[in-house]
Amino acid sequence: MKGQYAQQNILRNDVHDPPTGKGKAKMLGPGIIWMVSSIGTGQILFTPRIAARYEYSLLWMSILVAVALFFIIREVGRFTVVSGRSITNGLQDLPRGNKWGIWLMNVPQLALVPLVVAGAAALLGSVLAMIWETDIMVYALIFIIGCGLLVLSGSYSAVEKGAIILAALLIVISAVTAIRVLSSPGDLAAGLGPSIPDDFEMTFVMPWVGFFLAGASGILWYSYWVGDKEFGGTPNDRSETVEVNEDVDDDREKLAKVTLWMRSLGLTSGTGILLGTLVNVAFMILGAELLASEDDLPEGADVVEKLTQSLEGVWGPAGYWAFLVCVAIALGSSILANQDGGGRMFSDAARLLFQRPNNYLSNRNNVSKFFIVTVGMVIPLLIYIIERDPVKILSLAGIISAIQIPVIVFFTFYLNKKLLPKICQPSALSSGILLCAGLFYSALAIIQVVDFF
């Protein structure tokens, strides 16, 4: 139905009472879960490599990207909180119909998700091989299949709680260690001033920017995690949304509740970004202090191996093992998050694009399982068999992610401005920063494409 909701105000039918007191703390879950998935690849693999080559000279860029991502994920979450719909669901209301936005958003993800799963599994296999000397491929295959089966079993929500605890341990260990090894706080502070190193190489930096705090996939999944935790209320399908009449008292009451929910969303989003940024700065310090003196830039699992060896000298065997186990858990969490989030996103898209009455796609659970098996397990296995270098795999994924982020940003800006009630729309400041973020990522994407050709 072309343009069914264009230029209208969409508000969920049922708005729950906003959390108060201790209830607000429980709503931090989506932000923390998002952070757990974000530290698995970009922070552990790319940040130390960036610091090993450029030391602290790109610290300012990481802070800039973190601020931009706060506004991006909050605005993606805003659409879900106000409308009750996923961001994928909202894409069917873009101008000119034919659901082209859903295609444009999900086709790159069909390549991105299996690349991330394969790359994280390759890196995790290399880490585990440091603990028990076995063929890396065995570990990689076990974790791709094992994590997929865990998601299929519906037990992922229980794993999330344990992953949050272990992620907290990783944050503490990395932060305390970074403080201990930091030799010159002045050099770290100098990195906050914008500057470009003389040997700056876009193809080297682009994957780091693309994967910074989960990347394009994590931005899209945030919509689903916010909905799953019932921010605002129970998630709706498009058919359950209504047009707001702001002269109706009932609608005014709902609008007031949604406005309060947005404050909880801001706190949740900020928590995830802050914790993720803390880990990133810690790994940048570790890379600059422990790896920058190396003759050769560390590749793949060498990053983790050299860091753990250096940390053994700082903390002894206990620190070595604690850090190694936490890194392994973070990488495993990244695999799980990609398989679970990808399954939700692709099943939602397939239902919207191809659903017919009483066909297979009407059962979202079946479709989700199909995509978890194919995109989350089978294709990553094939990718890993073809290419086993996690740096090459994840570098390609990071570039795809960085190119897709501006698309997500501009789509989200349009949906929030055109479909949501005026009182629930982002402020002029938030909109301006969101557009600047889109232009920033667009510039990086254009430079990357030009550099490639």
Protein backbone atom coordinates (compact mmCIF):
# COMPACT_ATOMS: atom_id res chain seq x y z
CA MET A 1 0.00 0.00 0.00
CA LYS A 2 2.03 2.89 -1.31
CA GLY A 3 2.66 5.75 1.09
CA GLN A 4 -0.02 4.54 3.52
CA TYR A 5 1.41 6.50 6.45
CA ALA A 6 3.35 9.21 4.64
CA GLN A 7 3.19 12.62 6.38
CA GLN A 8 1.17 11.14 9.26
CA ASN A 9 1.82 10.84 12.99
CA ILE A 10 2.35 7.23 14.03
CA LEU A 11 1.99 6.26 17.68
CA ARG A 12 1.75 2.82 19.23
CA ASN A 13 -1.74 1.89 20.44
CA ASP A 14 -0.65 0.79 23.89
CA VAL A 15 1.93 2.71 25.93
CA HIS A 16 3.15 1.16 29.18
CA ASP A 17 3.79 3.28 32.24
CA PRO A 18 7.40 4.55 32.21
CA PRO A 19 9.80 2.97 34.74
CA THR A 20 10.48 4.71 38.01
CA GLY A 21 13.01 4.22 40.81
CA LYS A 22 14.86 0.90 40.56
CA GLY A 23 12.86 0.04 37.46
CA LYS A 24 14.99 2.48 35.47
CA ALA A 25 18.11 0.40 36.16
CA LYS A 26 16.46 -2.67 34.63
CA MET A 27 15.95 -0.74 31.39
CA LEU A 28 19.69 -0.38 30.89
CA GLY A 29 19.74 -3.91 29.47
CA PRO A 30 19.54 -3.11 25.73
CA GLY A 31 22.40 -0.61 25.98
CA ILE A 32 24.61 -3.05 27.90
CA ILE A 33 23.75 -5.95 25.58
CA TRP A 34 24.55 -3.74 22.60
CA MET A 35 27.87 -2.83 24.22
CA VAL A 36 28.70 -6.50 24.85
CA SER A 37 28.24 -7.31 21.17
CA SER A 38 30.24 -4.24 20.15
CA ILE A 39 33.48 -5.05 21.96
CA GLY A 40 33.94 -8.43 20.32
CA THR A 41 35.69 -7.48 17.07
CA GLY A 42 36.31 -3.78 16.53
CA GLN A 43 37.79 -3.04 19.93
CA ILE A 44 39.78 -6.24 20.39
CA LEU A 45 41.22 -6.52 16.88
CA PHE A 46 41.26 -3.10 15.21
CA THR A 47 41.75 -0.62 18.05
CA PRO A 48 45.11 -2.07 19.23
CA ARG A 49 46.30 -2.21 15.60
CA ILE A 50 45.33 1.43 15.07
CA ALA A 51 47.16 2.41 18.27
CA ALA A 52 50.19 0.28 17.40
CA ARG A 53 50.59 2.26 14.17
CA TYR A 54 49.34 5.74 15.08
CA GLU A 55 49.54 5.63 18.90
CA TYR A 56 47.08 8.26 20.28
CA SER A 57 46.85 10.51 17.24
CA LEU A 58 43.38 9.16 16.27
CA LEU A 59 41.90 9.17 19.77
CA TRP A 60 39.87 12.25 18.82
CA MET A 61 38.29 10.34 15.96
CA SER A 62 37.15 7.53 18.24
CA ILE A 63 35.51 10.06 20.60
CA LEU A 64 33.86 11.84 17.66
CA VAL A 65 32.50 8.56 16.30
CA ALA A 66 31.26 7.55 19.77
CA VAL A 67 29.28 10.80 20.10
CA ALA A 68 27.85 10.35 16.62
CA LEU A 69 26.83 6.76 17.39
CA PHE A 70 25.04 7.84 20.56
CA PHE A 71 22.73 10.05 18.53
CA ILE A 72 22.37 7.41 15.80
CA ILE A 73 21.32 4.52 18.05
CA ARG A 74 19.10 6.79 20.14
CA GLU A 75 17.25 7.94 17.03
CA VAL A 76 16.91 4.36 15.77
CA GLY A 77 15.51 3.46 19.19
CA ARG A 78 13.23 6.52 19.13
CA PHE A 79 11.33 5.20 16.13
CA THR A 80 10.70 1.88 17.89
CA VAL A 81 9.72 3.45 21.22
CA VAL A 82 7.20 5.85 19.64
CA SER A 83 5.75 3.68 16.86
CA GLY A 84 6.14 0.24 18.39
CA ARG A 85 7.70 -0.92 15.10
CA SER A 86 11.20 -1.99 14.14
CA ILE A 87 13.26 0.29 11.94
CA THR A 88 13.00 -2.35 9.19
CA ASN A 89 9.22 -2.23 9.48
CA GLY A 90 9.31 1.54 9.10
CA LEU A 91 11.28 1.37 5.85
CA GLN A 92 8.19 0.27 3.94
CA ASP A 93 6.84 3.81 4.38
CA LEU A 94 9.64 5.53 2.47
CA PRO A 95 8.55 7.56 -0.60
CA ARG A 96 7.78 5.82 -3.90
CA GLY A 97 6.75 2.55 -2.26
CA ASN A 98 7.76 -0.91 -3.50
CA LYS A 99 9.65 -1.45 -0.23
CA TRP A 100 12.93 -0.48 -1.87
CA GLY A 101 14.32 0.75 1.44
CA ILE A 102 14.02 -2.72 2.98
CA TRP A 103 15.97 -4.17 0.06
CA LEU A 104 18.64 -1.48 0.26
CA MET A 105 19.07 -1.99 3.99
CA ASN A 106 19.11 -5.78 4.11
CA VAL A 107 21.05 -6.88 1.03
CA PRO A 108 24.38 -5.53 2.39
CA GLN A 109 23.56 -7.15 5.72
CA LEU A 110 23.31 -10.54 4.00
CA ALA A 111 27.04 -10.17 3.30
CA LEU A 112 27.98 -8.30 6.46
CA VAL A 113 26.55 -10.68 9.08
CA PRO A 114 28.26 -13.87 7.82
CA LEU A 115 31.53 -11.98 7.35
CA VAL A 116 31.46 -10.81 10.97
CA VAL A 117 30.56 -14.28 12.25
CA ALA A 118 33.35 -15.88 10.20
CA GLY A 119 35.91 -13.26 11.20
CA ALA A 120 35.04 -13.38 14.90
CA ALA A 121 35.14 -17.19 14.82
CA ALA A 122 38.55 -17.13 13.10
CA LEU A 123 39.88 -14.74 15.74
CA LEU A 124 38.29 -16.72 18.56
CA GLY A 125 39.79 -19.94 17.20
CA SER A 126 43.21 -18.33 17.20
CA VAL A 127 42.74 -17.20 20.81
CA LEU A 128 41.64 -20.64 22.00
CA ALA A 129 44.57 -22.23 20.19
CA MET A 130 46.78 -20.21 22.55
CA ILE A 131 45.15 -22.03 25.47
CA TRP A 132 44.83 -25.51 24.02
CA GLU A 133 47.00 -26.30 21.02
CA THR A 134 44.54 -27.62 18.47
CA ASP A 135 43.88 -26.78 14.84
CA ILE A 136 42.34 -23.29 14.75
CA MET A 137 39.77 -24.44 12.20
CA VAL A 138 38.34 -26.93 14.70
CA TYR A 139 37.63 -24.18 17.22
CA ALA A 140 36.20 -21.84 14.61
CA LEU A 141 33.80 -24.47 13.29
CA ILE A 142 32.75 -25.53 16.78
CA PHE A 143 31.88 -21.98 17.76
CA ILE A 144 30.03 -21.09 14.56
CA ILE A 145 27.88 -24.21 14.88
CA GLY A 146 27.66 -24.21 18.67
CA CYS A 147 26.63 -20.56 18.95
CA GLY A 148 24.09 -21.03 16.17
CA LEU A 149 22.52 -24.01 17.93
CA LEU A 150 22.40 -22.04 21.16
CA VAL A 151 20.50 -19.22 19.45
CA LEU A 152 18.18 -21.71 17.76
CA SER A 153 17.40 -23.32 21.12
CA GLY A 154 16.08 -20.01 22.46
CA SER A 155 18.64 -19.97 25.29
CA TYR A 156 20.42 -16.83 24.12
CA SER A 157 18.60 -14.61 26.62
CA ALA A 158 20.10 -16.60 29.50
CA VAL A 159 23.56 -16.34 27.95
CA GLU A 160 23.15 -12.55 27.72
CA LYS A 161 23.13 -12.24 31.51
CA GLY A 162 26.38 -14.15 31.86
CA ALA A 163 27.93 -12.20 28.99
CA ILE A 164 27.10 -8.91 30.73
CA ILE A 165 28.94 -10.06 33.88
CA LEU A 166 32.00 -11.19 31.92
CA ALA A 167 31.93 -8.01 29.84
CA ALA A 168 32.00 -6.03 33.09
CA LEU A 169 35.07 -8.04 34.10
CA LEU A 170 36.74 -7.26 30.77
CA ILE A 171 36.00 -3.55 31.24
CA VAL A 172 37.54 -3.54 34.70
CA ILE A 173 40.62 -5.55 33.69
CA SER A 174 41.28 -3.53 30.53
CA ALA A 175 40.69 -0.17 32.24
CA VAL A 176 42.83 -0.90 35.30
CA THR A 177 45.60 -2.37 33.13
CA ALA A 178 45.48 0.62 30.77
CA ILE A 179 45.91 3.00 33.70
CA ARG A 180 48.82 0.96 34.98
CA VAL A 181 50.73 0.83 31.68
CA LEU A 182 50.00 4.44 30.62
CA SER A 183 53.39 6.14 30.55
CA SER A 184 52.39 9.67 29.58
CA PRO A 185 48.89 11.05 30.27
CA GLY A 186 49.96 14.12 28.30
CA ASP A 187 50.38 12.05 25.12
CA LEU A 188 46.91 10.59 25.66
CA ALA A 189 45.40 14.05 26.17
CA ALA A 190 47.19 15.33 23.06
CA GLY A 191 45.32 12.69 21.05
CA LEU A 192 42.07 14.56 21.75
CA GLY A 193 43.21 17.34 19.42
CA PRO A 194 42.16 16.67 15.80
CA SER A 195 45.15 15.76 13.64
CA ILE A 196 45.91 13.41 10.76
CA PRO A 197 49.11 11.31 10.91
CA ASP A 198 51.55 11.69 8.03
CA ASP A 199 51.22 8.01 7.10
CA PHE A 200 47.42 8.01 7.39
CA GLU A 201 45.94 5.22 5.25
CA MET A 202 42.19 5.18 4.70
CA THR A 203 41.97 1.46 3.89
CA PHE A 204 43.66 0.72 7.21
CA VAL A 205 41.47 3.06 9.28
CA MET A 206 38.11 2.46 7.55
CA PRO A 207 37.39 -1.01 9.05
CA TRP A 208 38.06 0.38 12.53
CA VAL A 209 35.59 3.24 11.98
CA GLY A 210 33.06 0.89 10.39
CA PHE A 211 33.21 -1.54 13.29
CA PHE A 212 33.48 1.02 16.05
CA LEU A 213 30.93 -0.05 18.70
CA ALA A 214 29.15 -2.72 16.64
CA GLY A 215 28.90 -0.94 13.28
CA ALA A 216 25.94 -0.94 10.90
CA SER A 217 24.51 -4.28 12.05
CA GLY A 218 24.55 -3.26 15.70
CA ILE A 219 22.73 -0.03 14.88
CA LEU A 220 19.91 -1.92 13.18
CA TRP A 221 19.69 -4.57 15.91
CA TYR A 222 19.36 -1.90 18.56
CA SER A 223 15.84 -1.33 17.31
CA TYR A 224 15.00 -4.99 17.97
CA TRP A 225 16.61 -5.11 21.40
CA VAL A 226 14.74 -1.96 22.45
CA GLY A 227 11.50 -3.55 21.24
CA ASP A 228 12.30 -6.89 22.86
CA LYS A 229 12.74 -5.15 26.24
CA GLU A 230 9.35 -3.45 25.65
CA PHE A 231 10.51 0.14 25.77
CA GLY A 232 7.24 2.04 25.50
CA GLY A 233 5.15 -1.12 25.32
CA THR A 234 4.68 -4.37 23.47
CA PRO A 235 6.12 -4.24 19.89
CA ASN A 236 3.51 -3.76 17.16
CA ASP A 237 3.24 -4.65 13.52
CA ARG A 238 2.50 -1.92 10.99
CA SER A 239 -1.19 -2.83 10.93
CA GLU A 240 -1.48 -2.06 14.66
CA THR A 241 -0.27 1.54 14.51
CA VAL A 242 -2.69 4.45 14.51
CA GLU A 243 -2.74 8.04 13.34
CA VAL A 244 -2.56 10.47 16.23
CA ASN A 245 -5.15 13.15 16.77
CA GLU A 246 -3.39 15.51 19.16
CA ASP A 247 -6.72 17.05 20.22
CA VAL A 248 -7.78 13.78 21.87
CA ASP A 249 -7.02 13.60 25.60
CA ASP A 250 -6.14 9.91 25.41
CA ASP A 251 -3.51 10.58 22.76
CA ARG A 252 -2.08 13.41 24.83
CA GLU A 253 -1.66 11.03 27.76
CA LYS A 254 0.12 8.50 25.57
CA LEU A 255 2.36 11.18 24.12
CA ALA A 256 3.35 12.26 27.62
CA LYS A 257 4.26 8.66 28.54
CA VAL A 258 6.28 8.20 25.36
CA THR A 259 8.20 11.39 26.12
CA LEU A 260 9.20 9.93 29.50
CA TRP A 261 10.18 6.66 27.82
CA MET A 262 12.53 8.61 25.58
CA ARG A 263 14.44 9.77 28.66
CA SER A 264 14.98 6.14 29.66
CA LEU A 265 16.09 5.40 26.11
CA GLY A 266 18.64 8.23 26.26
CA LEU A 267 20.05 6.84 29.52
CA THR A 268 20.19 3.33 28.09
CA SER A 269 21.87 4.43 24.86
CA GLY A 270 24.34 6.63 26.72
CA THR A 271 25.29 3.78 29.06
CA GLY A 272 26.09 1.47 26.15
CA ILE A 273 28.14 4.11 24.33
CA LEU A 274 30.01 5.20 27.47
CA LEU A 275 31.02 1.67 28.46
CA GLY A 276 31.99 0.78 24.89
CA THR A 277 34.07 3.94 24.58
CA LEU A 278 35.80 3.16 27.87
CA VAL A 279 36.85 -0.24 26.53
CA ASN A 280 38.00 1.34 23.27
CA VAL A 281 40.19 3.91 25.02
CA ALA A 282 41.63 1.18 27.25
CA PHE A 283 42.56 -0.96 24.24
CA MET A 284 44.02 2.07 22.50
CA ILE A 285 46.29 2.65 25.51
CA LEU A 286 47.27 -1.03 25.56
CA GLY A 287 48.04 -0.95 21.83
CA ALA A 288 50.03 2.30 22.02
CA GLU A 289 52.00 1.33 25.12
CA LEU A 290 52.59 -2.38 24.49
CA LEU A 291 52.52 -2.84 20.71
CA ALA A 292 53.76 0.43 19.16
CA SER A 293 57.39 -0.53 19.79
CA GLU A 294 57.03 -3.75 17.76
CA ASP A 295 58.98 -3.89 14.50
CA ASP A 296 56.04 -5.41 12.61
CA LEU A 297 52.39 -4.45 12.92
CA PRO A 298 50.56 -7.33 14.68
CA GLU A 299 48.22 -9.30 12.46
CA GLY A 300 45.11 -11.25 13.38
CA ALA A 301 45.43 -13.24 16.59
CA ASP A 302 48.94 -11.78 17.04
CA VAL A 303 47.19 -8.72 18.47
CA VAL A 304 45.66 -10.72 21.32
CA GLU A 305 48.72 -12.94 21.77
CA LYS A 306 51.15 -10.03 22.09
CA LEU A 307 48.82 -8.13 24.40
CA THR A 308 48.36 -11.10 26.71
CA GLN A 309 52.09 -11.79 26.78
CA SER A 310 52.75 -8.17 27.69
CA LEU A 311 50.03 -8.22 30.34
CA GLU A 312 51.58 -11.30 31.91
CA GLY A 313 54.57 -9.12 32.68
CA VAL A 314 52.24 -6.57 34.30
CA TRP A 315 49.89 -8.82 36.29
CA GLY A 316 51.55 -12.23 36.20
CA PRO A 317 49.89 -15.51 35.09
CA ALA A 318 46.54 -14.61 36.72
CA GLY A 319 46.21 -11.46 34.63
CA TYR A 320 47.22 -13.32 31.50
CA TRP A 321 44.50 -15.94 31.90
CA ALA A 322 41.82 -13.54 33.05
CA PHE A 323 42.37 -11.29 30.05
CA LEU A 324 42.46 -14.22 27.62
CA VAL A 325 39.25 -15.74 28.95
CA CYS A 326 37.43 -12.37 28.85
CA VAL A 327 38.54 -11.76 25.26
CA ALA A 328 37.30 -15.22 24.28
CA ILE A 329 33.93 -14.56 25.93
CA ALA A 330 33.63 -11.17 24.22
CA LEU A 331 34.28 -12.75 20.81
CA GLY A 332 31.78 -15.52 21.52
CA SER A 333 29.21 -12.90 22.52
CA SER A 334 29.81 -11.11 19.22
CA ILE A 335 29.10 -14.32 17.27
CA LEU A 336 25.92 -14.93 19.27
CA ALA A 337 24.74 -11.33 18.84
CA ASN A 338 25.25 -11.44 15.08
CA GLN A 339 23.40 -14.71 14.69
CA ASP A 340 20.53 -13.68 16.96
CA GLY A 341 20.21 -10.11 15.67
CA GLY A 342 20.60 -11.19 12.06
CA GLY A 343 17.88 -13.80 12.45
CA ARG A 344 15.44 -11.22 13.81
CA MET A 345 16.27 -8.62 11.19
CA PHE A 346 16.18 -10.90 8.14
CA SER A 347 12.98 -12.67 9.23
CA ASP A 348 11.30 -9.29 9.70
CA ALA A 349 12.45 -8.15 6.26
CA ALA A 350 11.41 -11.40 4.54
CA ARG A 351 7.96 -11.25 6.14
CA LEU A 352 7.45 -7.68 4.96
CA LEU A 353 8.72 -8.36 1.44
CA PHE A 354 7.27 -11.76 0.59
CA GLN A 355 4.50 -12.65 3.00
CA ARG A 356 1.31 -14.05 1.56
CA PRO A 357 -1.71 -15.38 3.51
CA ASN A 358 -0.91 -18.68 5.26
CA ASN A 359 2.47 -19.14 3.62
CA TYR A 360 5.69 -20.21 5.33
CA LEU A 361 6.74 -16.62 5.93
CA SER A 362 3.73 -15.96 8.14
CA ASN A 363 5.56 -17.82 10.93
CA ARG A 364 8.32 -15.41 11.95
CA ASN A 365 9.98 -18.00 14.19
CA ASN A 366 10.46 -20.43 11.29
CA VAL A 367 11.91 -17.73 9.06
CA SER A 368 14.27 -16.56 11.79
CA LYS A 369 15.59 -20.09 12.24
CA PHE A 370 16.10 -20.41 8.48
CA PHE A 371 18.27 -17.29 8.40
CA ILE A 372 20.18 -18.28 11.53
CA VAL A 373 21.11 -21.58 9.87
CA THR A 374 21.95 -20.16 6.44
CA VAL A 375 23.30 -16.64 7.01
CA GLY A 376 24.48 -17.23 10.56
CA MET A 377 26.04 -20.70 10.21
CA VAL A 378 26.39 -22.18 6.71
CA ILE A 379 27.68 -19.11 4.84
CA PRO A 380 30.16 -18.16 7.63
CA LEU A 381 31.50 -21.72 7.51
CA LEU A 382 32.07 -21.42 3.77
CA ILE A 383 33.73 -18.00 4.18
CA TYR A 384 36.09 -19.36 6.82
CA ILE A 385 37.02 -22.35 4.69
CA ILE A 386 37.91 -19.99 1.82
CA GLU A 387 39.70 -17.34 3.91
CA ARG A 388 41.01 -17.90 7.45
CA ASP A 389 42.69 -14.57 8.13
CA PRO A 390 40.41 -12.65 10.54
CA VAL A 391 41.98 -9.32 9.57
CA LYS A 392 41.08 -9.76 5.89
CA ILE A 393 37.58 -11.03 6.67
CA LEU A 394 36.75 -8.34 9.21
CA SER A 395 38.39 -5.57 7.19
CA LEU A 396 36.00 -6.26 4.32
CA ALA A 397 33.09 -6.36 6.77
CA GLY A 398 34.21 -3.08 8.34
CA ILE A 399 34.31 -1.32 4.98
CA ILE A 400 30.80 -2.55 4.10
CA SER A 401 29.59 -1.41 7.51
CA ALA A 402 31.11 2.08 7.19
CA ILE A 403 29.54 2.54 3.76
CA GLN A 404 26.09 1.45 4.97
CA ILE A 405 25.94 3.58 8.13
CA PRO A 406 25.11 6.85 6.32
CA VAL A 407 22.22 5.07 4.59
CA ILE A 408 20.87 4.02 7.99
CA VAL A 409 21.32 7.55 9.34
CA PHE A 410 19.43 9.31 6.55
CA PHE A 411 16.61 6.74 6.54
CA THR A 412 16.20 7.11 10.30
CA PHE A 413 16.18 10.90 10.04
CA TYR A 414 13.41 10.75 7.44
CA LEU A 415 11.25 8.27 9.38
CA ASN A 416 11.47 10.20 12.64
CA LYS A 417 10.72 13.54 10.96
CA LYS A 418 7.93 12.38 8.66
CA LEU A 419 6.12 9.68 10.62
CA LEU A 420 6.35 10.50 14.33
CA PRO A 421 4.21 13.02 16.24
CA LYS A 422 5.90 16.41 16.42
CA ILE A 423 6.23 16.30 20.19
CA CYS A 424 8.12 12.98 19.92
CA GLN A 425 10.48 14.07 17.14
CA PRO A 426 14.17 14.77 17.82
CA SER A 427 15.18 18.30 18.75
CA ALA A 428 16.87 20.59 16.25
CA LEU A 429 20.20 19.89 17.98
CA SER A 430 19.77 16.10 17.79
CA SER A 431 18.66 16.32 14.17
CA GLY A 432 21.64 18.50 13.29
CA ILE A 433 24.12 16.15 14.94
CA LEU A 434 22.45 13.16 13.27
CA LEU A 435 22.78 14.78 9.85
CA CYS A 436 26.41 15.71 10.57
CA ALA A 437 27.04 12.08 11.51
CA GLY A 438 25.52 10.97 8.22
CA LEU A 439 27.70 13.43 6.29
CA PHE A 440 30.78 12.31 8.23
CA TYR A 441 30.23 8.65 7.36
CA SER A 442 29.29 9.59 3.80
CA ALA A 443 32.60 11.39 3.36
CA LEU A 444 34.50 8.38 4.69
CA ALA A 445 32.57 6.06 2.40
CA ILE A 446 33.24 8.23 -0.67
CA ILE A 447 36.95 8.45 0.16
CA GLN A 448 37.07 4.69 0.62
CA VAL A 449 35.38 3.98 -2.72
CA VAL A 450 37.63 6.45 -4.57
CA ASP A 451 40.68 4.97 -2.87
CA PHE A 452 39.58 1.45 -3.81
CA PHE A 453 39.25 2.25 -7.50
